[in-house]
Amino acid sequence: MTKTNVMRLLDQAKIPYRTASYDYDENDLNGMHAAEGIGMEPETVFKTLVARGEKHGCCVFCIPVCCSLDLKKAAKAAGEKKVDLVPVKELLGLTGYIRGGCSPIGMKKDFPTFLEETAQLCDEIAVSAGQRGVQVILSPDDLCQYRSAAYCDLTE
């Protein structure tokens, strides 16, 4: 497997991780296929969503693939009145990633990042390795520390 930018950044930061790959499915809009494909519980596989608020601009939310982002809770976490998910067509320009391969690690800009608080209950979680069909599996605390992320209640 070719190293992705996400893997190179984790290597540079000396953060331990392992990788898992699966056959990406265009029709899997929530990431459940990813959890199935790498044999992990959906509560431990996290999707990366980008939202925009009026005050602080874009922010990143990582939540389990089996959950939905609660926009009110997300806005509160980000210190905004309200946030809206960024349209898919803007994702690549903003983050450097395409839908289905968006990772909280290695985005073009250092957006404020929030991780669903249930991640703290897991020894390890999976997030996109920055490429469709590839995940990095790492400690949620390592991810939080590396991204200066905050644990928050984000799901419905």
N, C-alpha and C. Protein backbone atom coordinates (compact mmCIF):
# COMPACT_ATOMS: atom_id res chain seq x y z
N MET A 1 0.84 -1.19 0.00
CA MET A 1 0.00 0.00 0.00
C MET A 1 0.89 1.25 0.00
N THR A 2 0.53 2.19 -0.84
CA THR A 2 1.27 3.45 -0.90
C THR A 2 0.95 4.27 0.33
N LYS A 3 1.96 4.92 0.89
CA LYS A 3 1.73 5.78 2.06
C LYS A 3 0.98 7.02 1.63
N THR A 4 -0.03 7.36 2.39
CA THR A 4 -0.77 8.59 2.13
C THR A 4 -0.11 9.71 2.93
N ASN A 5 -0.49 10.94 2.63
CA ASN A 5 0.02 12.09 3.36
C ASN A 5 -0.31 11.96 4.86
N VAL A 6 -1.49 11.44 5.16
CA VAL A 6 -1.90 11.23 6.55
C VAL A 6 -0.89 10.32 7.26
N MET A 7 -0.52 9.23 6.61
CA MET A 7 0.45 8.28 7.21
C MET A 7 1.82 8.94 7.39
N ARG A 8 2.23 9.72 6.41
CA ARG A 8 3.53 10.41 6.51
C ARG A 8 3.53 11.39 7.69
N LEU A 9 2.41 12.12 7.87
CA LEU A 9 2.31 13.07 8.98
C LEU A 9 2.33 12.35 10.32
N LEU A 10 1.64 11.23 10.42
CA LEU A 10 1.64 10.45 11.67
C LEU A 10 3.03 9.89 11.94
N ASP A 11 3.72 9.44 10.88
CA ASP A 11 5.10 8.94 11.05
C ASP A 11 6.01 10.06 11.58
N GLN A 12 5.89 11.25 10.97
CA GLN A 12 6.70 12.40 11.40
C GLN A 12 6.46 12.74 12.87
N ALA A 13 5.21 12.64 13.30
CA ALA A 13 4.84 12.97 14.68
C ALA A 13 5.11 11.80 15.63
N LYS A 14 5.60 10.69 15.07
CA LYS A 14 5.88 9.47 15.84
C LYS A 14 4.64 8.96 16.58
N ILE A 15 3.50 9.03 15.90
CA ILE A 15 2.24 8.53 16.46
C ILE A 15 2.01 7.13 15.90
N PRO A 16 1.86 6.14 16.79
CA PRO A 16 1.64 4.77 16.31
C PRO A 16 0.25 4.62 15.68
N TYR A 17 0.19 3.88 14.59
CA TYR A 17 -1.07 3.61 13.92
C TYR A 17 -0.90 2.34 13.10
N ARG A 18 -2.01 1.80 12.69
CA ARG A 18 -1.98 0.72 11.70
C ARG A 18 -3.00 1.07 10.63
N THR A 19 -2.93 0.40 9.52
CA THR A 19 -3.84 0.73 8.42
C THR A 19 -4.75 -0.45 8.13
N ALA A 20 -5.86 -0.14 7.51
CA ALA A 20 -6.78 -1.17 7.03
C ALA A 20 -7.41 -0.64 5.75
N SER A 21 -7.60 -1.53 4.80
CA SER A 21 -8.24 -1.08 3.55
C SER A 21 -9.47 -1.93 3.26
N TYR A 22 -10.32 -1.38 2.44
CA TYR A 22 -11.59 -2.04 2.08
C TYR A 22 -11.97 -1.56 0.69
N ASP A 23 -12.91 -2.25 0.07
CA ASP A 23 -13.41 -1.84 -1.24
C ASP A 23 -14.38 -0.69 -1.05
N TYR A 24 -14.00 0.49 -1.52
CA TYR A 24 -14.85 1.67 -1.37
C TYR A 24 -16.14 1.50 -2.17
N ASP A 25 -17.25 1.90 -1.60
CA ASP A 25 -18.55 1.81 -2.25
C ASP A 25 -19.13 3.22 -2.41
N GLU A 26 -19.26 3.66 -3.65
CA GLU A 26 -19.81 5.00 -3.95
C GLU A 26 -21.16 5.25 -3.29
N ASN A 27 -21.93 4.18 -3.09
CA ASN A 27 -23.29 4.32 -2.56
C ASN A 27 -23.33 4.37 -1.04
N ASP A 28 -22.20 4.14 -0.41
CA ASP A 28 -22.16 4.16 1.06
C ASP A 28 -21.99 5.60 1.52
N LEU A 29 -23.09 6.24 1.82
CA LEU A 29 -23.02 7.66 2.14
C LEU A 29 -22.71 7.94 3.60
N ASN A 30 -22.72 6.91 4.45
CA ASN A 30 -22.47 7.19 5.86
C ASN A 30 -21.22 6.50 6.42
N GLY A 31 -20.60 5.61 5.69
CA GLY A 31 -19.38 4.98 6.17
C GLY A 31 -19.57 3.62 6.80
N MET A 32 -20.80 3.12 6.87
CA MET A 32 -21.04 1.80 7.46
C MET A 32 -20.29 0.71 6.69
N HIS A 33 -20.18 0.90 5.39
CA HIS A 33 -19.46 -0.06 4.55
C HIS A 33 -17.98 -0.12 4.95
N ALA A 34 -17.43 1.03 5.33
CA ALA A 34 -16.03 1.08 5.77
C ALA A 34 -15.84 0.24 7.03
N ALA A 35 -16.74 0.41 7.99
CA ALA A 35 -16.66 -0.35 9.24
C ALA A 35 -16.73 -1.85 8.95
N GLU A 36 -17.69 -2.23 8.11
CA GLU A 36 -17.84 -3.63 7.72
C GLU A 36 -16.59 -4.13 7.02
N GLY A 37 -16.08 -3.33 6.09
CA GLY A 37 -14.94 -3.72 5.26
C GLY A 37 -13.65 -3.92 6.04
N ILE A 38 -13.49 -3.20 7.15
CA ILE A 38 -12.25 -3.37 7.94
C ILE A 38 -12.50 -4.19 9.21
N GLY A 39 -13.75 -4.66 9.38
CA GLY A 39 -14.06 -5.54 10.50
C GLY A 39 -14.03 -4.88 11.87
N MET A 40 -14.40 -3.60 11.92
CA MET A 40 -14.47 -2.90 13.20
C MET A 40 -15.91 -2.50 13.49
N GLU A 41 -16.22 -2.35 14.78
CA GLU A 41 -17.56 -1.91 15.17
C GLU A 41 -17.80 -0.50 14.64
N PRO A 42 -19.02 -0.21 14.15
CA PRO A 42 -19.33 1.12 13.63
C PRO A 42 -19.08 2.25 14.63
N GLU A 43 -19.19 1.96 15.92
CA GLU A 43 -18.95 2.98 16.96
C GLU A 43 -17.48 3.39 17.03
N THR A 44 -16.59 2.59 16.41
CA THR A 44 -15.16 2.87 16.49
C THR A 44 -14.58 3.37 15.17
N VAL A 45 -15.42 3.46 14.15
CA VAL A 45 -14.98 3.97 12.84
C VAL A 45 -15.61 5.35 12.68
N PHE A 46 -14.75 6.37 12.49
CA PHE A 46 -15.22 7.75 12.51
C PHE A 46 -15.17 8.39 11.13
N LYS A 47 -16.25 9.09 10.79
CA LYS A 47 -16.28 9.87 9.55
C LYS A 47 -15.93 11.31 9.89
N THR A 48 -15.39 12.01 8.91
CA THR A 48 -14.95 13.39 9.09
C THR A 48 -15.88 14.31 8.31
N LEU A 49 -16.54 15.21 9.03
CA LEU A 49 -17.47 16.15 8.41
C LEU A 49 -16.95 17.57 8.59
N VAL A 50 -17.14 18.39 7.57
CA VAL A 50 -16.68 19.78 7.64
C VAL A 50 -17.92 20.67 7.59
N ALA A 51 -17.98 21.59 8.55
CA ALA A 51 -19.11 22.51 8.62
C ALA A 51 -18.59 23.94 8.69
N ARG A 52 -19.48 24.88 8.42
CA ARG A 52 -19.08 26.28 8.43
C ARG A 52 -20.04 27.07 9.31
N GLY A 53 -19.47 27.93 10.14
CA GLY A 53 -20.25 28.85 10.96
C GLY A 53 -19.95 30.27 10.53
N GLU A 54 -20.77 31.22 10.97
CA GLU A 54 -20.59 32.62 10.56
C GLU A 54 -19.42 33.30 11.25
N LYS A 55 -19.21 32.96 12.52
CA LYS A 55 -18.20 33.66 13.31
C LYS A 55 -16.78 33.17 13.05
N HIS A 56 -16.59 31.85 13.12
CA HIS A 56 -15.23 31.29 13.07
C HIS A 56 -14.91 30.55 11.76
N GLY A 57 -15.85 30.47 10.85
CA GLY A 57 -15.59 29.79 9.58
C GLY A 57 -15.70 28.29 9.71
N CYS A 58 -14.84 27.57 9.00
CA CYS A 58 -14.94 26.11 8.93
C CYS A 58 -14.40 25.43 10.17
N CYS A 59 -15.02 24.31 10.49
CA CYS A 59 -14.54 23.45 11.56
C CYS A 59 -14.82 22.00 11.18
N VAL A 60 -14.12 21.10 11.85
CA VAL A 60 -14.13 19.69 11.51
C VAL A 60 -14.74 18.90 12.66
N PHE A 61 -15.63 17.98 12.31
CA PHE A 61 -16.28 17.14 13.30
C PHE A 61 -16.08 15.67 12.93
N CYS A 62 -15.59 14.88 13.88
CA CYS A 62 -15.38 13.45 13.66
C CYS A 62 -16.37 12.70 14.54
N ILE A 63 -17.22 11.91 13.90
CA ILE A 63 -18.26 11.17 14.63
C ILE A 63 -18.31 9.73 14.12
N PRO A 64 -18.81 8.80 14.94
CA PRO A 64 -18.92 7.41 14.48
C PRO A 64 -19.80 7.32 13.22
N VAL A 65 -19.46 6.38 12.34
CA VAL A 65 -20.19 6.24 11.08
C VAL A 65 -21.65 5.84 11.29
N CYS A 66 -21.96 5.30 12.46
CA CYS A 66 -23.34 4.87 12.74
C CYS A 66 -24.20 6.01 13.29
N CYS A 67 -23.63 7.19 13.42
CA CYS A 67 -24.33 8.32 14.03
C CYS A 67 -24.52 9.46 13.04
N SER A 68 -25.39 10.39 13.43
CA SER A 68 -25.59 11.61 12.65
C SER A 68 -25.12 12.80 13.47
N LEU A 69 -24.55 13.78 12.78
CA LEU A 69 -24.09 14.99 13.45
C LEU A 69 -25.31 15.82 13.86
N ASP A 70 -25.34 16.22 15.12
CA ASP A 70 -26.37 17.12 15.61
C ASP A 70 -25.83 18.54 15.39
N LEU A 71 -26.41 19.26 14.43
CA LEU A 71 -25.87 20.58 14.06
C LEU A 71 -25.94 21.58 15.20
N LYS A 72 -26.94 21.47 16.07
CA LYS A 72 -27.02 22.37 17.24
C LYS A 72 -25.86 22.11 18.20
N LYS A 73 -25.59 20.83 18.48
CA LYS A 73 -24.49 20.48 19.38
C LYS A 73 -23.15 20.87 18.74
N ALA A 74 -23.04 20.67 17.42
CA ALA A 74 -21.81 21.03 16.70
C ALA A 74 -21.58 22.54 16.79
N ALA A 75 -22.63 23.32 16.60
CA ALA A 75 -22.52 24.78 16.67
C ALA A 75 -22.07 25.21 18.06
N LYS A 76 -22.66 24.60 19.08
CA LYS A 76 -22.31 24.94 20.46
C LYS A 76 -20.83 24.63 20.71
N ALA A 77 -20.38 23.45 20.26
CA ALA A 77 -18.97 23.06 20.45
C ALA A 77 -18.03 24.06 19.78
N ALA A 78 -18.44 24.55 18.61
CA ALA A 78 -17.60 25.46 17.82
C ALA A 78 -17.77 26.92 18.23
N GLY A 79 -18.64 27.20 19.19
CA GLY A 79 -18.86 28.58 19.61
C GLY A 79 -19.61 29.40 18.57
N GLU A 80 -20.52 28.74 17.86
CA GLU A 80 -21.29 29.39 16.80
C GLU A 80 -22.78 29.37 17.15
N LYS A 81 -23.55 30.28 16.53
CA LYS A 81 -25.01 30.23 16.68
C LYS A 81 -25.55 29.03 15.91
N LYS A 82 -25.02 28.85 14.68
CA LYS A 82 -25.40 27.69 13.87
C LYS A 82 -24.28 27.35 12.90
N VAL A 83 -24.23 26.09 12.52
CA VAL A 83 -23.28 25.63 11.50
C VAL A 83 -24.05 24.83 10.45
N ASP A 84 -23.53 24.86 9.24
CA ASP A 84 -24.09 24.06 8.15
C ASP A 84 -22.96 23.26 7.53
N LEU A 85 -23.28 22.04 7.12
CA LEU A 85 -22.27 21.22 6.45
C LEU A 85 -21.85 21.91 5.16
N VAL A 86 -20.57 21.82 4.87
CA VAL A 86 -20.02 22.41 3.65
C VAL A 86 -20.49 21.57 2.46
N PRO A 87 -20.95 22.20 1.37
CA PRO A 87 -21.36 21.42 0.20
C PRO A 87 -20.19 20.57 -0.33
N VAL A 88 -20.52 19.36 -0.78
CA VAL A 88 -19.51 18.41 -1.25
C VAL A 88 -18.60 19.04 -2.31
N LYS A 89 -19.17 19.88 -3.19
CA LYS A 89 -18.36 20.48 -4.27
C LYS A 89 -17.27 21.42 -3.75
N GLU A 90 -17.41 21.89 -2.49
CA GLU A 90 -16.39 22.78 -1.90
C GLU A 90 -15.33 22.03 -1.11
N LEU A 91 -15.58 20.75 -0.84
CA LEU A 91 -14.73 19.98 0.06
C LEU A 91 -13.27 19.91 -0.40
N LEU A 92 -13.04 19.55 -1.65
CA LEU A 92 -11.67 19.40 -2.16
C LEU A 92 -10.88 20.70 -2.06
N GLY A 93 -11.47 21.80 -2.48
CA GLY A 93 -10.80 23.09 -2.43
C GLY A 93 -10.45 23.53 -1.01
N LEU A 94 -11.35 23.25 -0.09
CA LEU A 94 -11.15 23.65 1.31
C LEU A 94 -10.15 22.76 2.06
N THR A 95 -10.29 21.45 1.85
CA THR A 95 -9.55 20.50 2.68
C THR A 95 -8.41 19.79 1.96
N GLY A 96 -8.52 19.69 0.64
CA GLY A 96 -7.55 18.88 -0.10
C GLY A 96 -8.01 17.43 -0.23
N TYR A 97 -9.19 17.13 0.31
CA TYR A 97 -9.73 15.77 0.29
C TYR A 97 -11.06 15.72 -0.44
N ILE A 98 -11.36 14.53 -1.01
CA ILE A 98 -12.66 14.33 -1.65
C ILE A 98 -13.58 13.58 -0.70
N ARG A 99 -14.88 13.67 -0.97
CA ARG A 99 -15.87 12.97 -0.15
C ARG A 99 -15.53 11.48 -0.12
N GLY A 100 -15.58 10.91 1.06
CA GLY A 100 -15.25 9.49 1.20
C GLY A 100 -13.79 9.27 1.53
N GLY A 101 -12.98 10.32 1.43
CA GLY A 101 -11.56 10.21 1.75
C GLY A 101 -11.09 11.37 2.60
N CYS A 102 -12.02 12.03 3.27
CA CYS A 102 -11.70 13.21 4.06
C CYS A 102 -11.18 12.78 5.43
N SER A 103 -10.00 13.26 5.78
CA SER A 103 -9.38 12.91 7.06
C SER A 103 -9.21 14.17 7.91
N PRO A 104 -9.30 14.02 9.24
CA PRO A 104 -9.03 15.18 10.10
C PRO A 104 -7.55 15.54 10.14
N ILE A 105 -6.72 14.67 9.58
CA ILE A 105 -5.26 14.85 9.58
C ILE A 105 -4.81 15.33 8.21
N GLY A 106 -4.03 16.41 8.17
CA GLY A 106 -3.41 16.85 6.91
C GLY A 106 -4.28 17.66 5.99
N MET A 107 -5.28 18.34 6.51
CA MET A 107 -6.09 19.22 5.66
C MET A 107 -5.24 20.42 5.24
N LYS A 108 -5.67 21.08 4.17
CA LYS A 108 -4.95 22.26 3.67
C LYS A 108 -4.78 23.33 4.74
N LYS A 109 -5.82 23.51 5.56
CA LYS A 109 -5.76 24.50 6.64
C LYS A 109 -5.99 23.80 7.97
N ASP A 110 -5.55 24.44 9.03
CA ASP A 110 -5.67 23.88 10.36
C ASP A 110 -7.00 24.31 10.99
N PHE A 111 -8.08 23.65 10.62
CA PHE A 111 -9.40 24.01 11.12
C PHE A 111 -9.59 23.47 12.55
N PRO A 112 -10.36 24.20 13.38
CA PRO A 112 -10.69 23.67 14.71
C PRO A 112 -11.37 22.30 14.55
N THR A 113 -10.97 21.35 15.38
CA THR A 113 -11.44 19.97 15.23
C THR A 113 -12.08 19.49 16.52
N PHE A 114 -13.20 18.77 16.36
CA PHE A 114 -13.97 18.25 17.48
C PHE A 114 -14.24 16.77 17.27
N LEU A 115 -14.02 15.99 18.30
CA LEU A 115 -14.17 14.54 18.22
C LEU A 115 -15.30 14.11 19.15
N GLU A 116 -16.23 13.31 18.64
CA GLU A 116 -17.34 12.82 19.46
C GLU A 116 -16.79 12.21 20.74
N GLU A 117 -17.36 12.63 21.88
CA GLU A 117 -16.83 12.25 23.19
C GLU A 117 -16.80 10.75 23.44
N THR A 118 -17.64 9.97 22.74
CA THR A 118 -17.65 8.52 22.95
C THR A 118 -16.33 7.89 22.49
N ALA A 119 -15.54 8.60 21.70
CA ALA A 119 -14.24 8.08 21.25
C ALA A 119 -13.35 7.76 22.45
N GLN A 120 -13.56 8.50 23.55
CA GLN A 120 -12.75 8.28 24.75
C GLN A 120 -12.94 6.90 25.35
N LEU A 121 -14.05 6.25 25.02
CA LEU A 121 -14.33 4.91 25.53
C LEU A 121 -13.59 3.83 24.74
N CYS A 122 -12.97 4.22 23.63
CA CYS A 122 -12.32 3.25 22.73
C CYS A 122 -10.81 3.27 22.93
N ASP A 123 -10.19 2.09 22.84
CA ASP A 123 -8.72 2.02 22.86
C ASP A 123 -8.17 2.57 21.55
N GLU A 124 -8.89 2.28 20.46
CA GLU A 124 -8.46 2.80 19.16
C GLU A 124 -9.69 3.07 18.30
N ILE A 125 -9.51 4.03 17.40
CA ILE A 125 -10.57 4.37 16.45
C ILE A 125 -9.95 4.41 15.05
N ALA A 126 -10.81 4.32 14.05
CA ALA A 126 -10.35 4.43 12.67
C ALA A 126 -10.86 5.73 12.08
N VAL A 127 -9.99 6.42 11.34
CA VAL A 127 -10.38 7.59 10.55
C VAL A 127 -9.79 7.42 9.17
N SER A 128 -10.30 8.16 8.22
CA SER A 128 -9.80 8.05 6.85
C SER A 128 -8.30 8.37 6.79
N ALA A 129 -7.62 7.62 5.97
CA ALA A 129 -6.20 7.85 5.75
C ALA A 129 -6.00 8.88 4.64
N GLY A 130 -7.09 9.55 4.23
CA GLY A 130 -6.99 10.59 3.21
C GLY A 130 -7.20 10.06 1.81
N GLN A 131 -7.65 8.82 1.74
CA GLN A 131 -7.87 8.18 0.44
C GLN A 131 -9.06 7.25 0.61
N ARG A 132 -9.94 7.23 -0.37
CA ARG A 132 -11.10 6.32 -0.31
C ARG A 132 -10.62 4.88 -0.18
N GLY A 133 -11.22 4.16 0.76
CA GLY A 133 -10.90 2.74 0.92
C GLY A 133 -9.73 2.46 1.84
N VAL A 134 -9.16 3.49 2.46
CA VAL A 134 -8.03 3.28 3.38
C VAL A 134 -8.29 4.02 4.68
N GLN A 135 -8.10 3.33 5.80
CA GLN A 135 -8.29 3.91 7.13
C GLN A 135 -6.99 3.79 7.93
N VAL A 136 -6.77 4.75 8.83
CA VAL A 136 -5.70 4.61 9.82
C VAL A 136 -6.40 4.35 11.16
N ILE A 137 -5.82 3.45 11.91
CA ILE A 137 -6.39 3.07 13.21
C ILE A 137 -5.39 3.51 14.27
N LEU A 138 -5.86 4.35 15.20
CA LEU A 138 -4.96 4.94 16.19
C LEU A 138 -5.70 5.23 17.47
N SER A 139 -4.98 5.64 18.48
CA SER A 139 -5.57 6.00 19.77
C SER A 139 -6.33 7.32 19.60
N PRO A 140 -7.56 7.40 20.13
CA PRO A 140 -8.30 8.67 20.02
C PRO A 140 -7.58 9.80 20.76
N ASP A 141 -6.91 9.49 21.86
CA ASP A 141 -6.17 10.53 22.58
C ASP A 141 -5.01 11.06 21.75
N ASP A 142 -4.33 10.16 21.02
CA ASP A 142 -3.23 10.60 20.14
C ASP A 142 -3.78 11.53 19.05
N LEU A 143 -4.93 11.15 18.48
CA LEU A 143 -5.54 11.99 17.45
C LEU A 143 -5.92 13.35 18.03
N CYS A 144 -6.55 13.34 19.18
CA CYS A 144 -6.97 14.59 19.82
C CYS A 144 -5.77 15.50 20.10
N GLN A 145 -4.73 14.90 20.65
CA GLN A 145 -3.54 15.69 20.98
C GLN A 145 -2.89 16.24 19.71
N TYR A 146 -2.74 15.40 18.70
CA TYR A 146 -2.08 15.81 17.45
C TYR A 146 -2.85 16.94 16.77
N ARG A 147 -4.18 16.84 16.78
CA ARG A 147 -5.01 17.84 16.10
C ARG A 147 -5.46 18.97 17.02
N SER A 148 -5.02 18.96 18.28
CA SER A 148 -5.51 19.92 19.28
C SER A 148 -7.03 19.93 19.27
N ALA A 149 -7.60 18.75 19.18
CA ALA A 149 -9.05 18.60 19.10
C ALA A 149 -9.67 18.53 20.49
N ALA A 150 -10.96 18.78 20.55
CA ALA A 150 -11.69 18.70 21.81
C ALA A 150 -12.72 17.57 21.71
N TYR A 151 -12.86 16.82 22.81
CA TYR A 151 -13.94 15.83 22.88
C TYR A 151 -15.23 16.58 23.21
N CYS A 152 -16.29 16.30 22.45
CA CYS A 152 -17.57 16.96 22.67
C CYS A 152 -18.72 16.01 22.35
N ASP A 153 -19.90 16.31 22.91
CA ASP A 153 -21.11 15.58 22.55
C ASP A 153 -21.59 16.18 21.23
N LEU A 154 -21.53 15.39 20.16
CA LEU A 154 -21.82 15.92 18.83
C LEU A 154 -22.94 15.22 18.08
N THR A 155 -23.42 14.09 18.61
CA THR A 155 -24.34 13.29 17.83
C THR A 155 -25.78 13.38 18.32
N GLU A 156 -26.69 13.04 17.40
CA GLU A 156 -28.13 13.06 17.71
C GLU A 156 -28.48 11.93 18.64
